[in-house]
Amino acid sequence: MAFGRNTTAELIKPLEGAVIRRYTAGATIAAGEIVSLMADGYVDPANTTDFTAACVMGIALKAAVSGDRVDVVVYGPVVCLTEGTPAALVYASDTAGEPAESVGTKDVLVGVTESATVLFVRPEFIDRS
């Protein structure tokens, strides 16, 4: 198994100190996916190839379909990775919802790995142009 998002929904969980906000899904979202707040006010899986009027918010804790309410870790530690390298930066990628160890079309930092499975979420746009 290589670095990526844990796809086992029951293993996706916030840790002590995580800040969680609830949003309405605008599309189908899987547990552990990186989500963005879109211009319509809904969250969708983040995709750096189309970041016009979108902003990465964090990691979805549960699966959702359009119209469902979904809890999102917007800051702090969350178990959601596989084979992360401690202290490595994690970016949103050109594949909707998936993390990457390198930048996608837009340079959007999602957070920093604390361990092989824990991501400390702290979204930041480095290149939004």
C-alpha atoms as a PDB file:
ATOM      1  CA  MET A   1       0.000   0.000   0.000  1.00  0.00           C
ATOM      2  CA  ALA A   2       1.321   3.473  -0.838  1.00  0.00           C
ATOM      3  CA  PHE A   3       0.676   6.937   0.583  1.00  0.00           C
ATOM      4  CA  GLY A   4      -2.908   7.997   0.223  1.00  0.00           C
ATOM      5  CA  ARG A   5      -6.331   8.318   1.799  1.00  0.00           C
ATOM      6  CA  ASN A   6      -7.575   5.545   4.052  1.00  0.00           C
ATOM      7  CA  THR A   7     -10.717   4.182   2.353  1.00  0.00           C
ATOM      8  CA  THR A   8     -11.996   2.232   5.385  1.00  0.00           C
ATOM      9  CA  ALA A   9     -14.746   4.579   6.593  1.00  0.00           C
ATOM     10  CA  GLU A  10     -14.860   3.270  10.163  1.00  0.00           C
ATOM     11  CA  LEU A  11     -11.165   4.127  10.620  1.00  0.00           C
ATOM     12  CA  ILE A  12     -11.619   7.825   9.738  1.00  0.00           C
ATOM     13  CA  LYS A  13     -11.818   9.683  13.046  1.00  0.00           C
ATOM     14  CA  PRO A  14     -10.932  13.003  14.617  1.00  0.00           C
ATOM     15  CA  LEU A  15      -8.446  13.049  17.487  1.00  0.00           C
ATOM     16  CA  GLU A  16      -8.378  15.217  20.592  1.00  0.00           C
ATOM     17  CA  GLY A  17      -8.150  18.888  19.688  1.00  0.00           C
ATOM     18  CA  ALA A  18      -9.743  18.600  16.248  1.00  0.00           C
ATOM     19  CA  VAL A  19     -12.149  21.360  15.239  1.00  0.00           C
ATOM     20  CA  ILE A  20     -15.204  20.011  13.416  1.00  0.00           C
ATOM     21  CA  ARG A  21     -17.745  21.984  11.365  1.00  0.00           C
ATOM     22  CA  ARG A  22     -20.892  20.690   9.705  1.00  0.00           C
ATOM     23  CA  TYR A  23     -21.623  21.484   6.043  1.00  0.00           C
ATOM     24  CA  THR A  24     -24.086  20.407   3.383  1.00  0.00           C
ATOM     25  CA  ALA A  25     -22.702  18.153   0.662  1.00  0.00           C
ATOM     26  CA  GLY A  26     -23.090  19.366  -2.902  1.00  0.00           C
ATOM     27  CA  ALA A  27     -21.882  16.082  -4.396  1.00  0.00           C
ATOM     28  CA  THR A  28     -21.108  12.522  -3.338  1.00  0.00           C
ATOM     29  CA  ILE A  29     -18.340  12.525  -0.720  1.00  0.00           C
ATOM     30  CA  ALA A  30     -16.465   9.541   0.751  1.00  0.00           C
ATOM     31  CA  ALA A  31     -15.220   9.387   4.336  1.00  0.00           C
ATOM     32  CA  GLY A  32     -11.665  10.716   4.525  1.00  0.00           C
ATOM     33  CA  GLU A  33     -11.846  12.804   1.359  1.00  0.00           C
ATOM     34  CA  ILE A  34     -10.503  16.347   1.220  1.00  0.00           C
ATOM     35  CA  VAL A  35     -13.440  18.694   0.689  1.00  0.00           C
ATOM     36  CA  SER A  36     -13.747  22.250  -0.595  1.00  0.00           C
ATOM     37  CA  LEU A  37     -16.355  24.885   0.100  1.00  0.00           C
ATOM     38  CA  MET A  38     -17.769  25.869  -3.271  1.00  0.00           C
ATOM     39  CA  ALA A  39     -19.282  29.178  -4.417  1.00  0.00           C
ATOM     40  CA  ASP A  40     -22.772  27.673  -4.001  1.00  0.00           C
ATOM     41  CA  GLY A  41     -22.149  27.178  -0.256  1.00  0.00           C
ATOM     42  CA  TYR A  42     -21.900  23.380  -0.429  1.00  0.00           C
ATOM     43  CA  VAL A  43     -18.841  21.158   0.050  1.00  0.00           C
ATOM     44  CA  ASP A  44     -17.574  18.892  -2.737  1.00  0.00           C
ATOM     45  CA  PRO A  45     -14.493  16.668  -3.023  1.00  0.00           C
ATOM     46  CA  ALA A  46     -11.523  19.001  -3.581  1.00  0.00           C
ATOM     47  CA  ASN A  47     -10.055  19.022  -7.099  1.00  0.00           C
ATOM     48  CA  THR A  48      -7.195  21.413  -7.815  1.00  0.00           C
ATOM     49  CA  THR A  49      -7.836  21.457 -11.561  1.00  0.00           C
ATOM     50  CA  ASP A  50     -10.972  23.551 -10.944  1.00  0.00           C
ATOM     51  CA  PHE A  51     -10.470  25.865  -7.978  1.00  0.00           C
ATOM     52  CA  THR A  52     -12.308  28.926  -9.258  1.00  0.00           C
ATOM     53  CA  ALA A  53     -14.269  30.210  -6.247  1.00  0.00           C
ATOM     54  CA  ALA A  54     -13.464  27.125  -4.135  1.00  0.00           C
ATOM     55  CA  CYS A  55     -11.596  26.829  -0.852  1.00  0.00           C
ATOM     56  CA  VAL A  56     -10.276  23.653   0.804  1.00  0.00           C
ATOM     57  CA  MET A  57     -11.966  23.238   4.175  1.00  0.00           C
ATOM     58  CA  GLY A  58     -10.674  19.914   5.507  1.00  0.00           C
ATOM     59  CA  ILE A  59     -11.407  16.187   5.785  1.00  0.00           C
ATOM     60  CA  ALA A  60     -14.909  14.658   5.632  1.00  0.00           C
ATOM     61  CA  LEU A  61     -15.533  12.277   8.529  1.00  0.00           C
ATOM     62  CA  LYS A  62     -18.382  10.317   6.936  1.00  0.00           C
ATOM     63  CA  ALA A  63     -19.704   9.516   3.483  1.00  0.00           C
ATOM     64  CA  ALA A  64     -22.466  11.766   2.166  1.00  0.00           C
ATOM     65  CA  VAL A  65     -24.526  12.371  -0.941  1.00  0.00           C
ATOM     66  CA  SER A  66     -25.725  15.710  -2.267  1.00  0.00           C
ATOM     67  CA  GLY A  67     -27.984  17.379   0.288  1.00  0.00           C
ATOM     68  CA  ASP A  68     -26.690  15.407   3.295  1.00  0.00           C
ATOM     69  CA  ARG A  69     -25.044  17.132   6.243  1.00  0.00           C
ATOM     70  CA  VAL A  70     -21.398  16.098   6.671  1.00  0.00           C
ATOM     71  CA  ASP A  71     -18.949  16.739   9.508  1.00  0.00           C
ATOM     72  CA  VAL A  72     -15.556  18.068   8.394  1.00  0.00           C
ATOM     73  CA  VAL A  73     -12.344  18.401  10.406  1.00  0.00           C
ATOM     74  CA  VAL A  74     -11.316  21.966   9.523  1.00  0.00           C
ATOM     75  CA  TYR A  75      -8.332  22.134  11.883  1.00  0.00           C
ATOM     76  CA  GLY A  76      -6.405  19.627  13.920  1.00  0.00           C
ATOM     77  CA  PRO A  77      -5.541  15.931  13.915  1.00  0.00           C
ATOM     78  CA  VAL A  78      -7.562  13.305  12.068  1.00  0.00           C
ATOM     79  CA  VAL A  79      -6.847   9.658  11.281  1.00  0.00           C
ATOM     80  CA  CYS A  80      -7.295   9.456   7.500  1.00  0.00           C
ATOM     81  CA  LEU A  81      -3.995   8.516   5.804  1.00  0.00           C
ATOM     82  CA  THR A  82      -2.081   5.417   4.809  1.00  0.00           C
ATOM     83  CA  GLU A  83       1.705   5.286   4.833  1.00  0.00           C
ATOM     84  CA  GLY A  84       2.291   8.954   5.555  1.00  0.00           C
ATOM     85  CA  THR A  85       5.772  10.215   6.387  1.00  0.00           C
ATOM     86  CA  PRO A  86       5.890  12.245   9.628  1.00  0.00           C
ATOM     87  CA  ALA A  87       6.473  15.977   9.027  1.00  0.00           C
ATOM     88  CA  ALA A  88       5.627  15.692   5.295  1.00  0.00           C
ATOM     89  CA  LEU A  89       3.332  18.240   3.687  1.00  0.00           C
ATOM     90  CA  VAL A  90       0.035  16.996   2.252  1.00  0.00           C
ATOM     91  CA  TYR A  91      -1.640  18.761  -0.662  1.00  0.00           C
ATOM     92  CA  ALA A  92      -4.992  18.602  -2.437  1.00  0.00           C
ATOM     93  CA  SER A  93      -4.556  16.867  -5.785  1.00  0.00           C
ATOM     94  CA  ASP A  94      -5.992  16.878  -9.290  1.00  0.00           C
ATOM     95  CA  THR A  95      -7.919  13.711  -8.318  1.00  0.00           C
ATOM     96  CA  ALA A  96     -11.079  14.803  -6.517  1.00  0.00           C
ATOM     97  CA  GLY A  97     -10.862  14.287  -2.767  1.00  0.00           C
ATOM     98  CA  GLU A  98      -7.471  12.583  -2.758  1.00  0.00           C
ATOM     99  CA  PRO A  99      -4.341  13.740  -0.917  1.00  0.00           C
ATOM    100  CA  ALA A 100      -0.941  14.039  -2.572  1.00  0.00           C
ATOM    101  CA  GLU A 101       2.655  14.500  -1.493  1.00  0.00           C
ATOM    102  CA  SER A 102       3.195  17.043  -4.278  1.00  0.00           C
ATOM    103  CA  VAL A 103       1.159  19.966  -5.566  1.00  0.00           C
ATOM    104  CA  GLY A 104      -1.575  19.623  -8.158  1.00  0.00           C
ATOM    105  CA  THR A 105      -2.646  22.220 -10.724  1.00  0.00           C
ATOM    106  CA  LYS A 106      -3.095  24.690  -7.847  1.00  0.00           C
ATOM    107  CA  ASP A 107      -0.767  24.722  -4.854  1.00  0.00           C
ATOM    108  CA  VAL A 108      -3.142  23.980  -1.954  1.00  0.00           C
ATOM    109  CA  LEU A 109      -1.713  22.747   1.329  1.00  0.00           C
ATOM    110  CA  VAL A 110      -4.120  20.582   3.355  1.00  0.00           C
ATOM    111  CA  GLY A 111      -1.859  19.898   6.320  1.00  0.00           C
ATOM    112  CA  VAL A 112       1.107  18.015   7.747  1.00  0.00           C
ATOM    113  CA  THR A 113       1.447  14.321   8.551  1.00  0.00           C
ATOM    114  CA  GLU A 114       1.986  13.596  12.230  1.00  0.00           C
ATOM    115  CA  SER A 115       2.354   9.841  11.709  1.00  0.00           C
ATOM    116  CA  ALA A 116       1.701   7.194   9.062  1.00  0.00           C
ATOM    117  CA  THR A 117      -2.054   7.570   9.606  1.00  0.00           C
ATOM    118  CA  VAL A 118      -2.612  11.023  11.161  1.00  0.00           C
ATOM    119  CA  LEU A 119      -2.954  14.276   9.230  1.00  0.00           C
ATOM    120  CA  PHE A 120      -2.891  17.580  11.092  1.00  0.00           C
ATOM    121  CA  VAL A 121      -5.351  19.629   9.035  1.00  0.00           C
ATOM    122  CA  ARG A 122      -4.472  23.298   8.453  1.00  0.00           C
ATOM    123  CA  PRO A 123      -5.550  24.295   4.936  1.00  0.00           C
ATOM    124  CA  GLU A 124      -3.667  27.048   3.167  1.00  0.00           C
ATOM    125  CA  PHE A 125      -3.729  28.354  -0.399  1.00  0.00           C
ATOM    126  CA  ILE A 126      -0.248  28.940  -1.714  1.00  0.00           C
ATOM    127  CA  ASP A 127      -1.239  29.550  -5.362  1.00  0.00           C
ATOM    128  CA  ARG A 128      -4.867  30.381  -6.054  1.00  0.00           C
ATOM    129  CA  SER A 129      -4.280  32.071  -9.426  1.00  0.00           C
END
